[in-house]
Amino acid sequence: MRADGRDKEESEAPAAAKQDQNYPQNVVMYSYFYYLKETFMSKKYTSLPPLQGQVFTLLQNNPKTPLSTFELRRHGIASPSQAISKLKNRGIVIE
């Protein structure tokens, strides 16, 4: 119990909620593309699940998406279209 009468957990909750609201989207995108790189580029699987196939189709149709392009470049891929090509060249089916 704190001097103001609130429990420690209560006083930390608003700060945690504020942190979640300000959580940068690029961290989520970085994690997603890192997962794709490690999982699918290593050929552990031969096809993408439908949802990921839809995401890649969306990126391919909108290759100038700034956040996605930036995150792909972190993995040495110049554009989302190049990521699609690399995956297809490895025999991965993209729906």
PDB file of N, CA and C in Angstrom:
ATOM      1  N   MET A   1       0.858  -1.179   0.000  1.00  0.00           N
ATOM      2  CA  MET A   1       0.000   0.000   0.000  1.00  0.00           C
ATOM      3  C   MET A   1       0.902   1.240   0.000  1.00  0.00           C
ATOM      4  N   ARG A   2       0.532   2.185  -0.840  1.00  0.00           N
ATOM      5  CA  ARG A   2       1.315   3.414  -0.940  1.00  0.00           C
ATOM      6  C   ARG A   2       0.746   4.479  -0.010  1.00  0.00           C
ATOM      7  N   ALA A   3       1.456   5.575   0.121  1.00  0.00           N
ATOM      8  CA  ALA A   3       1.021   6.663   1.001  1.00  0.00           C
ATOM      9  C   ALA A   3      -0.300   7.273   0.537  1.00  0.00           C
ATOM     10  N   ASP A   4      -0.571   7.242  -0.777  1.00  0.00           N
ATOM     11  CA  ASP A   4      -1.816   7.835  -1.279  1.00  0.00           C
ATOM     12  C   ASP A   4      -3.002   6.880  -1.177  1.00  0.00           C
ATOM     13  N   GLY A   5      -2.795   5.687  -0.580  1.00  0.00           N
ATOM     14  CA  GLY A   5      -3.896   4.764  -0.353  1.00  0.00           C
ATOM     15  C   GLY A   5      -4.123   3.759  -1.463  1.00  0.00           C
ATOM     16  N   ARG A   6      -3.340   3.815  -2.526  1.00  0.00           N
ATOM     17  CA  ARG A   6      -3.512   2.866  -3.632  1.00  0.00           C
ATOM     18  C   ARG A   6      -2.467   1.761  -3.536  1.00  0.00           C
ATOM     19  N   ASP A   7      -2.833   0.592  -4.019  1.00  0.00           N
ATOM     20  CA  ASP A   7      -1.869  -0.495  -4.086  1.00  0.00           C
ATOM     21  C   ASP A   7      -0.855  -0.193  -5.176  1.00  0.00           C
ATOM     22  N   LYS A   8       0.270  -0.850  -5.091  1.00  0.00           N
ATOM     23  CA  LYS A   8       1.330  -0.638  -6.075  1.00  0.00           C
ATOM     24  C   LYS A   8       0.851  -1.015  -7.478  1.00  0.00           C
ATOM     25  N   GLU A   9       0.103  -2.128  -7.598  1.00  0.00           N
ATOM     26  CA  GLU A   9      -0.381  -2.577  -8.903  1.00  0.00           C
ATOM     27  C   GLU A   9      -1.313  -1.549  -9.536  1.00  0.00           C
ATOM     28  N   GLU A  10      -2.152  -0.918  -8.712  1.00  0.00           N
ATOM     29  CA  GLU A  10      -3.084   0.086  -9.223  1.00  0.00           C
ATOM     30  C   GLU A  10      -2.346   1.288  -9.789  1.00  0.00           C
ATOM     31  N   SER A  11      -1.280   1.698  -9.119  1.00  0.00           N
ATOM     32  CA  SER A  11      -0.558   2.880  -9.585  1.00  0.00           C
ATOM     33  C   SER A  11       0.242   2.578 -10.852  1.00  0.00           C
ATOM     34  N   GLU A  12       0.638   1.335 -11.048  1.00  0.00           N
ATOM     35  CA  GLU A  12       1.408   0.976 -12.237  1.00  0.00           C
ATOM     36  C   GLU A  12       0.522   0.679 -13.438  1.00  0.00           C
ATOM     37  N   ALA A  13      -0.735   0.353 -13.221  1.00  0.00           N
ATOM     38  CA  ALA A  13      -1.627  -0.015 -14.325  1.00  0.00           C
ATOM     39  C   ALA A  13      -1.777   1.088 -15.366  1.00  0.00           C
ATOM     40  N   PRO A  14      -2.034   2.348 -14.982  1.00  0.00           N
ATOM     41  CA  PRO A  14      -2.162   3.381 -16.017  1.00  0.00           C
ATOM     42  C   PRO A  14      -0.884   3.545 -16.835  1.00  0.00           C
ATOM     43  N   ALA A  15       0.260   3.421 -16.203  1.00  0.00           N
ATOM     44  CA  ALA A  15       1.521   3.546 -16.937  1.00  0.00           C
ATOM     45  C   ALA A  15       1.674   2.407 -17.937  1.00  0.00           C
ATOM     46  N   ALA A  16       1.272   1.202 -17.550  1.00  0.00           N
ATOM     47  CA  ALA A  16       1.361   0.057 -18.465  1.00  0.00           C
ATOM     48  C   ALA A  16       0.409   0.234 -19.640  1.00  0.00           C
ATOM     49  N   ALA A  17      -0.806   0.739 -19.363  1.00  0.00           N
ATOM     50  CA  ALA A  17      -1.767   0.968 -20.449  1.00  0.00           C
ATOM     51  C   ALA A  17      -1.250   2.034 -21.403  1.00  0.00           C
ATOM     52  N   LYS A  18      -0.654   3.074 -20.849  1.00  0.00           N
ATOM     53  CA  LYS A  18      -0.102   4.135 -21.691  1.00  0.00           C
ATOM     54  C   LYS A  18       1.031   3.586 -22.556  1.00  0.00           C
ATOM     55  N   GLN A  19       1.854   2.731 -21.989  1.00  0.00           N
ATOM     56  CA  GLN A  19       2.960   2.139 -22.749  1.00  0.00           C
ATOM     57  C   GLN A  19       2.421   1.285 -23.894  1.00  0.00           C
ATOM     58  N   ASP A  20       1.344   0.522 -23.653  1.00  0.00           N
ATOM     59  CA  ASP A  20       0.753  -0.304 -24.704  1.00  0.00           C
ATOM     60  C   ASP A  20       0.218   0.556 -25.844  1.00  0.00           C
ATOM     61  N   GLN A  21      -0.385   1.695 -25.522  1.00  0.00           N
ATOM     62  CA  GLN A  21      -0.922   2.577 -26.552  1.00  0.00           C
ATOM     63  C   GLN A  21       0.189   3.175 -27.399  1.00  0.00           C
ATOM     64  N   ASN A  22       1.337   3.413 -26.798  1.00  0.00           N
ATOM     65  CA  ASN A  22       2.452   4.024 -27.512  1.00  0.00           C
ATOM     66  C   ASN A  22       3.410   2.995 -28.092  1.00  0.00           C
ATOM     67  N   TYR A  23       3.051   1.732 -27.983  1.00  0.00           N
ATOM     68  CA  TYR A  23       3.929   0.667 -28.480  1.00  0.00           C
ATOM     69  C   TYR A  23       4.125   0.839 -29.981  1.00  0.00           C
ATOM     70  N   PRO A  24       5.343   0.993 -30.434  1.00  0.00           N
ATOM     71  CA  PRO A  24       5.558   1.299 -31.853  1.00  0.00           C
ATOM     72  C   PRO A  24       5.155   0.154 -32.771  1.00  0.00           C
ATOM     73  N   GLN A  25       4.439   0.501 -33.825  1.00  0.00           N
ATOM     74  CA  GLN A  25       3.988  -0.510 -34.771  1.00  0.00           C
ATOM     75  C   GLN A  25       5.163  -1.188 -35.460  1.00  0.00           C
ATOM     76  N   ASN A  26       6.248  -0.458 -35.668  1.00  0.00           N
ATOM     77  CA  ASN A  26       7.353  -1.064 -36.400  1.00  0.00           C
ATOM     78  C   ASN A  26       7.971  -2.231 -35.638  1.00  0.00           C
ATOM     79  N   VAL A  27       7.828  -2.256 -34.313  1.00  0.00           N
ATOM     80  CA  VAL A  27       8.319  -3.409 -33.549  1.00  0.00           C
ATOM     81  C   VAL A  27       7.500  -4.643 -33.907  1.00  0.00           C
ATOM     82  N   VAL A  28       6.186  -4.460 -34.031  1.00  0.00           N
ATOM     83  CA  VAL A  28       5.320  -5.573 -34.417  1.00  0.00           C
ATOM     84  C   VAL A  28       5.681  -6.037 -35.820  1.00  0.00           C
ATOM     85  N   MET A  29       5.836  -5.102 -36.747  1.00  0.00           N
ATOM     86  CA  MET A  29       6.179  -5.458 -38.122  1.00  0.00           C
ATOM     87  C   MET A  29       7.548  -6.117 -38.183  1.00  0.00           C
ATOM     88  N   TYR A  30       8.510  -5.613 -37.410  1.00  0.00           N
ATOM     89  CA  TYR A  30       9.841  -6.210 -37.404  1.00  0.00           C
ATOM     90  C   TYR A  30       9.753  -7.656 -36.930  1.00  0.00           C
ATOM     91  N   SER A  31       8.992  -7.885 -35.867  1.00  0.00           N
ATOM     92  CA  SER A  31       8.843  -9.243 -35.345  1.00  0.00           C
ATOM     93  C   SER A  31       8.203 -10.154 -36.378  1.00  0.00           C
ATOM     94  N   TYR A  32       7.194  -9.637 -37.083  1.00  0.00           N
ATOM     95  CA  TYR A  32       6.495 -10.441 -38.086  1.00  0.00           C
ATOM     96  C   TYR A  32       7.426 -10.816 -39.228  1.00  0.00           C
ATOM     97  N   PHE A  33       8.183  -9.837 -39.742  1.00  0.00           N
ATOM     98  CA  PHE A  33       9.069 -10.145 -40.858  1.00  0.00           C
ATOM     99  C   PHE A  33      10.257 -10.989 -40.419  1.00  0.00           C
ATOM    100  N   TYR A  34      10.719 -10.823 -39.181  1.00  0.00           N
ATOM    101  CA  TYR A  34      11.776 -11.682 -38.675  1.00  0.00           C
ATOM    102  C   TYR A  34      11.277 -13.125 -38.613  1.00  0.00           C
ATOM    103  N   TYR A  35      10.044 -13.294 -38.144  1.00  0.00           N
ATOM    104  CA  TYR A  35       9.437 -14.625 -38.096  1.00  0.00           C
ATOM    105  C   TYR A  35       9.351 -15.224 -39.494  1.00  0.00           C
ATOM    106  N   LEU A  36       8.886 -14.429 -40.462  1.00  0.00           N
ATOM    107  CA  LEU A  36       8.786 -14.931 -41.832  1.00  0.00           C
ATOM    108  C   LEU A  36      10.152 -15.306 -42.381  1.00  0.00           C
ATOM    109  N   LYS A  37      11.130 -14.459 -42.126  1.00  0.00           N
ATOM    110  CA  LYS A  37      12.471 -14.739 -42.638  1.00  0.00           C
ATOM    111  C   LYS A  37      13.007 -16.037 -42.039  1.00  0.00           C
ATOM    112  N   GLU A  38      12.937 -16.154 -40.741  1.00  0.00           N
ATOM    113  CA  GLU A  38      13.495 -17.325 -40.069  1.00  0.00           C
ATOM    114  C   GLU A  38      12.724 -18.601 -40.389  1.00  0.00           C
ATOM    115  N   THR A  39      11.412 -18.499 -40.518  1.00  0.00           N
ATOM    116  CA  THR A  39      10.593 -19.687 -40.723  1.00  0.00           C
ATOM    117  C   THR A  39      10.523 -20.099 -42.181  1.00  0.00           C
ATOM    118  N   PHE A  40      10.119 -19.172 -43.034  1.00  0.00           N
ATOM    119  CA  PHE A  40       9.847 -19.541 -44.417  1.00  0.00           C
ATOM    120  C   PHE A  40      11.069 -19.449 -45.318  1.00  0.00           C
ATOM    121  N   MET A  41      11.972 -18.530 -45.042  1.00  0.00           N
ATOM    122  CA  MET A  41      13.167 -18.433 -45.869  1.00  0.00           C
ATOM    123  C   MET A  41      14.108 -19.603 -45.585  1.00  0.00           C
ATOM    124  N   SER A  42      13.968 -20.228 -44.435  1.00  0.00           N
ATOM    125  CA  SER A  42      14.818 -21.372 -44.122  1.00  0.00           C
ATOM    126  C   SER A  42      14.231 -22.679 -44.665  1.00  0.00           C
ATOM    127  N   LYS A  43      13.094 -22.578 -45.362  1.00  0.00           N
ATOM    128  CA  LYS A  43      12.431 -23.728 -45.997  1.00  0.00           C
ATOM    129  C   LYS A  43      11.975 -24.783 -44.995  1.00  0.00           C
ATOM    130  N   LYS A  44      11.593 -24.360 -43.805  1.00  0.00           N
ATOM    131  CA  LYS A  44      11.009 -25.315 -42.871  1.00  0.00           C
ATOM    132  C   LYS A  44       9.631 -25.732 -43.364  1.00  0.00           C
ATOM    133  N   TYR A  45       8.985 -24.846 -44.128  1.00  0.00           N
ATOM    134  CA  TYR A  45       7.666 -25.128 -44.670  1.00  0.00           C
ATOM    135  C   TYR A  45       7.703 -24.930 -46.178  1.00  0.00           C
ATOM    136  N   THR A  46       6.767 -25.540 -46.877  1.00  0.00           N
ATOM    137  CA  THR A  46       6.731 -25.388 -48.326  1.00  0.00           C
ATOM    138  C   THR A  46       5.604 -24.490 -48.794  1.00  0.00           C
ATOM    139  N   SER A  47       4.732 -24.071 -47.890  1.00  0.00           N
ATOM    140  CA  SER A  47       3.675 -23.143 -48.289  1.00  0.00           C
ATOM    141  C   SER A  47       3.348 -22.216 -47.130  1.00  0.00           C
ATOM    142  N   LEU A  48       2.828 -21.060 -47.470  1.00  0.00           N
ATOM    143  CA  LEU A  48       2.408 -20.110 -46.453  1.00  0.00           C
ATOM    144  C   LEU A  48       0.972 -20.399 -46.044  1.00  0.00           C
ATOM    145  N   PRO A  49       0.646 -20.277 -44.762  1.00  0.00           N
ATOM    146  CA  PRO A  49      -0.754 -20.355 -44.366  1.00  0.00           C
ATOM    147  C   PRO A  49      -1.545 -19.256 -45.078  1.00  0.00           C
ATOM    148  N   PRO A  50      -2.843 -19.447 -45.299  1.00  0.00           N
ATOM    149  CA  PRO A  50      -3.627 -18.488 -46.081  1.00  0.00           C
ATOM    150  C   PRO A  50      -3.519 -17.040 -45.607  1.00  0.00           C
ATOM    151  N   LEU A  51      -3.536 -16.796 -44.286  1.00  0.00           N
ATOM    152  CA  LEU A  51      -3.477 -15.421 -43.803  1.00  0.00           C
ATOM    153  C   LEU A  51      -2.169 -14.759 -44.204  1.00  0.00           C
ATOM    154  N   GLN A  52      -1.054 -15.465 -44.045  1.00  0.00           N
ATOM    155  CA  GLN A  52       0.226 -14.884 -44.421  1.00  0.00           C
ATOM    156  C   GLN A  52       0.323 -14.708 -45.926  1.00  0.00           C
ATOM    157  N   GLY A  53      -0.299 -15.611 -46.676  1.00  0.00           N
ATOM    158  CA  GLY A  53      -0.353 -15.449 -48.121  1.00  0.00           C
ATOM    159  C   GLY A  53      -1.111 -14.190 -48.496  1.00  0.00           C
ATOM    160  N   GLN A  54      -2.190 -13.903 -47.783  1.00  0.00           N
ATOM    161  CA  GLN A  54      -2.965 -12.688 -48.043  1.00  0.00           C
ATOM    162  C   GLN A  54      -2.156 -11.444 -47.709  1.00  0.00           C
ATOM    163  N   VAL A  55      -1.392 -11.509 -46.618  1.00  0.00           N
ATOM    164  CA  VAL A  55      -0.554 -10.368 -46.244  1.00  0.00           C
ATOM    165  C   VAL A  55       0.490 -10.122 -47.317  1.00  0.00           C
ATOM    166  N   PHE A  56       1.131 -11.178 -47.802  1.00  0.00           N
ATOM    167  CA  PHE A  56       2.138 -11.002 -48.843  1.00  0.00           C
ATOM    168  C   PHE A  56       1.511 -10.500 -50.136  1.00  0.00           C
ATOM    169  N   THR A  57       0.311 -10.964 -50.457  1.00  0.00           N
ATOM    170  CA  THR A  57      -0.380 -10.460 -51.644  1.00  0.00           C
ATOM    171  C   THR A  57      -0.663  -8.973 -51.489  1.00  0.00           C
ATOM    172  N   LEU A  58      -1.100  -8.573 -50.303  1.00  0.00           N
ATOM    173  CA  LEU A  58      -1.357  -7.158 -50.038  1.00  0.00           C
ATOM    174  C   LEU A  58      -0.086  -6.341 -50.207  1.00  0.00           C
ATOM    175  N   LEU A  59       1.026  -6.837 -49.675  1.00  0.00           N
ATOM    176  CA  LEU A  59       2.291  -6.119 -49.806  1.00  0.00           C
ATOM    177  C   LEU A  59       2.743  -6.062 -51.255  1.00  0.00           C
ATOM    178  N   GLN A  60       2.513  -7.134 -51.994  1.00  0.00           N
ATOM    179  CA  GLN A  60       2.919  -7.157 -53.388  1.00  0.00           C
ATOM    180  C   GLN A  60       2.100  -6.147 -54.200  1.00  0.00           C
ATOM    181  N   ASN A  61       0.824  -6.009 -53.884  1.00  0.00           N
ATOM    182  CA  ASN A  61      -0.033  -5.063 -54.594  1.00  0.00           C
ATOM    183  C   ASN A  61       0.220  -3.620 -54.174  1.00  0.00           C
ATOM    184  N   ASN A  62       0.842  -3.423 -53.020  1.00  0.00           N
ATOM    185  CA  ASN A  62       1.152  -2.079 -52.512  1.00  0.00           C
ATOM    186  C   ASN A  62       2.633  -2.007 -52.145  1.00  0.00           C
ATOM    187  N   PRO A  63       3.521  -2.106 -53.128  1.00  0.00           N
ATOM    188  CA  PRO A  63       4.950  -2.222 -52.814  1.00  0.00           C
ATOM    189  C   PRO A  63       5.561  -0.979 -52.181  1.00  0.00           C
ATOM    190  N   LYS A  64       4.837   0.133 -52.157  1.00  0.00           N
ATOM    191  CA  LYS A  64       5.409   1.348 -51.583  1.00  0.00           C
ATOM    192  C   LYS A  64       4.933   1.591 -50.159  1.00  0.00           C
ATOM    193  N   THR A  65       4.435   0.568 -49.507  1.00  0.00           N
ATOM    194  CA  THR A  65       4.021   0.702 -48.112  1.00  0.00           C
ATOM    195  C   THR A  65       5.262   1.039 -47.289  1.00  0.00           C
ATOM    196  N   PRO A  66       5.379   2.249 -46.730  1.00  0.00           N
ATOM    197  CA  PRO A  66       6.639   2.676 -46.124  1.00  0.00           C
ATOM    198  C   PRO A  66       7.128   1.784 -44.993  1.00  0.00           C
ATOM    199  N   LEU A  67       6.251   1.443 -44.044  1.00  0.00           N
ATOM    200  CA  LEU A  67       6.686   0.661 -42.892  1.00  0.00           C
ATOM    201  C   LEU A  67       7.145  -0.721 -43.315  1.00  0.00           C
ATOM    202  N   SER A  68       6.391  -1.365 -44.173  1.00  0.00           N
ATOM    203  CA  SER A  68       6.739  -2.707 -44.605  1.00  0.00           C
ATOM    204  C   SER A  68       8.045  -2.710 -45.382  1.00  0.00           C
ATOM    205  N   THR A  69       8.209  -1.748 -46.272  1.00  0.00           N
ATOM    206  CA  THR A  69       9.432  -1.675 -47.063  1.00  0.00           C
ATOM    207  C   THR A  69      10.628  -1.447 -46.155  1.00  0.00           C
ATOM    208  N   PHE A  70      10.480  -0.560 -45.181  1.00  0.00           N
ATOM    209  CA  PHE A  70      11.566  -0.285 -44.245  1.00  0.00           C
ATOM    210  C   PHE A  70      11.966  -1.541 -43.488  1.00  0.00           C
ATOM    211  N   GLU A  71      10.993  -2.270 -42.996  1.00  0.00           N
ATOM    212  CA  GLU A  71      11.299  -3.459 -42.218  1.00  0.00           C
ATOM    213  C   GLU A  71      11.906  -4.554 -43.083  1.00  0.00           C
ATOM    214  N   LEU A  72      11.459  -4.678 -44.323  1.00  0.00           N
ATOM    215  CA  LEU A  72      12.052  -5.676 -45.204  1.00  0.00           C
ATOM    216  C   LEU A  72      13.502  -5.336 -45.503  1.00  0.00           C
ATOM    217  N   ARG A  73      13.802  -4.058 -45.625  1.00  0.00           N
ATOM    218  CA  ARG A  73      15.181  -3.649 -45.899  1.00  0.00           C
ATOM    219  C   ARG A  73      16.110  -4.049 -44.766  1.00  0.00           C
ATOM    220  N   ARG A  74      15.585  -4.111 -43.561  1.00  0.00           N
ATOM    221  CA  ARG A  74      16.414  -4.534 -42.429  1.00  0.00           C
ATOM    222  C   ARG A  74      16.893  -5.974 -42.607  1.00  0.00           C
ATOM    223  N   HIS A  75      16.202  -6.722 -43.428  1.00  0.00           N
ATOM    224  CA  HIS A  75      16.592  -8.105 -43.695  1.00  0.00           C
ATOM    225  C   HIS A  75      17.300  -8.247 -45.033  1.00  0.00           C
ATOM    226  N   GLY A  76      17.708  -7.128 -45.638  1.00  0.00           N
ATOM    227  CA  GLY A  76      18.418  -7.191 -46.899  1.00  0.00           C
ATOM    228  C   GLY A  76      17.510  -7.364 -48.100  1.00  0.00           C
ATOM    229  N   ILE A  77      16.231  -7.097 -47.937  1.00  0.00           N
ATOM    230  CA  ILE A  77      15.280  -7.210 -49.039  1.00  0.00           C
ATOM    231  C   ILE A  77      14.874  -5.794 -49.422  1.00  0.00           C
ATOM    232  N   ALA A  78      15.033  -5.443 -50.697  1.00  0.00           N
ATOM    233  CA  ALA A  78      14.822  -4.061 -51.135  1.00  0.00           C
ATOM    234  C   ALA A  78      13.357  -3.657 -51.148  1.00  0.00           C
ATOM    235  N   SER A  79      12.452  -4.584 -51.441  1.00  0.00           N
ATOM    236  CA  SER A  79      11.037  -4.232 -51.530  1.00  0.00           C
ATOM    237  C   SER A  79      10.182  -5.451 -51.217  1.00  0.00           C
ATOM    238  N   PRO A  80       8.909  -5.248 -50.894  1.00  0.00           N
ATOM    239  CA  PRO A  80       8.019  -6.390 -50.675  1.00  0.00           C
ATOM    240  C   PRO A  80       7.929  -7.301 -51.893  1.00  0.00           C
ATOM    241  N   SER A  81       7.982  -6.714 -53.089  1.00  0.00           N
ATOM    242  CA  SER A  81       7.928  -7.539 -54.300  1.00  0.00           C
ATOM    243  C   SER A  81       9.128  -8.473 -54.375  1.00  0.00           C
ATOM    244  N   GLN A  82      10.288  -7.982 -53.958  1.00  0.00           N
ATOM    245  CA  GLN A  82      11.485  -8.827 -53.958  1.00  0.00           C
ATOM    246  C   GLN A  82      11.337  -9.959 -52.943  1.00  0.00           C
ATOM    247  N   ALA A  83      10.694  -9.684 -51.816  1.00  0.00           N
ATOM    248  CA  ALA A  83      10.463 -10.737 -50.822  1.00  0.00           C
ATOM    249  C   ALA A  83       9.590 -11.829 -51.412  1.00  0.00           C
ATOM    250  N   ILE A  84       8.554 -11.428 -52.157  1.00  0.00           N
ATOM    251  CA  ILE A  84       7.674 -12.402 -52.804  1.00  0.00           C
ATOM    252  C   ILE A  84       8.481 -13.253 -53.771  1.00  0.00           C
ATOM    253  N   SER A  85       9.308 -12.604 -54.575  1.00  0.00           N
ATOM    254  CA  SER A  85      10.119 -13.330 -55.562  1.00  0.00           C
ATOM    255  C   SER A  85      11.062 -14.308 -54.883  1.00  0.00           C
ATOM    256  N   LYS A  86      11.711 -13.869 -53.805  1.00  0.00           N
ATOM    257  CA  LYS A  86      12.641 -14.756 -53.099  1.00  0.00           C
ATOM    258  C   LYS A  86      11.918 -15.974 -52.545  1.00  0.00           C
ATOM    259  N   LEU A  87      10.738 -15.753 -51.977  1.00  0.00           N
ATOM    260  CA  LEU A  87       9.981 -16.879 -51.437  1.00  0.00           C
ATOM    261  C   LEU A  87       9.552 -17.832 -52.546  1.00  0.00           C
ATOM    262  N   LYS A  88       9.080 -17.286 -53.669  1.00  0.00           N
ATOM    263  CA  LYS A  88       8.658 -18.136 -54.784  1.00  0.00           C
ATOM    264  C   LYS A  88       9.837 -18.910 -55.357  1.00  0.00           C
ATOM    265  N   ASN A  89      11.009 -18.279 -55.429  1.00  0.00           N
ATOM    266  CA  ASN A  89      12.200 -18.962 -55.941  1.00  0.00           C
ATOM    267  C   ASN A  89      12.618 -20.126 -55.055  1.00  0.00           C
ATOM    268  N   ARG A  90      12.262 -20.068 -53.789  1.00  0.00           N
ATOM    269  CA  ARG A  90      12.588 -21.166 -52.870  1.00  0.00           C
ATOM    270  C   ARG A  90      11.517 -22.253 -52.886  1.00  0.00           C
ATOM    271  N   GLY A  91      10.539 -22.107 -53.767  1.00  0.00           N
ATOM    272  CA  GLY A  91       9.513 -23.135 -53.890  1.00  0.00           C
ATOM    273  C   GLY A  91       8.356 -22.984 -52.934  1.00  0.00           C
ATOM    274  N   ILE A  92       8.239 -21.840 -52.294  1.00  0.00           N
ATOM    275  CA  ILE A  92       7.155 -21.623 -51.345  1.00  0.00           C
ATOM    276  C   ILE A  92       5.928 -21.146 -52.100  1.00  0.00           C
ATOM    277  N   VAL A  93       4.803 -21.792 -51.862  1.00  0.00           N
ATOM    278  CA  VAL A  93       3.561 -21.443 -52.532  1.00  0.00           C
ATOM    279  C   VAL A  93       2.917 -20.286 -51.785  1.00  0.00           C
ATOM    280  N   ILE A  94       2.602 -19.224 -52.494  1.00  0.00           N
ATOM    281  CA  ILE A  94       1.932 -18.075 -51.901  1.00  0.00           C
ATOM    282  C   ILE A  94       0.551 -17.988 -52.510  1.00  0.00           C
ATOM    283  N   GLU A  95      -0.476 -18.134 -51.679  1.00  0.00           N
ATOM    284  CA  GLU A  95      -1.857 -18.159 -52.164  1.00  0.00           C
ATOM    285  C   GLU A  95      -2.362 -16.763 -52.457  1.00  0.00           C
TER     286      GLU A  95
END
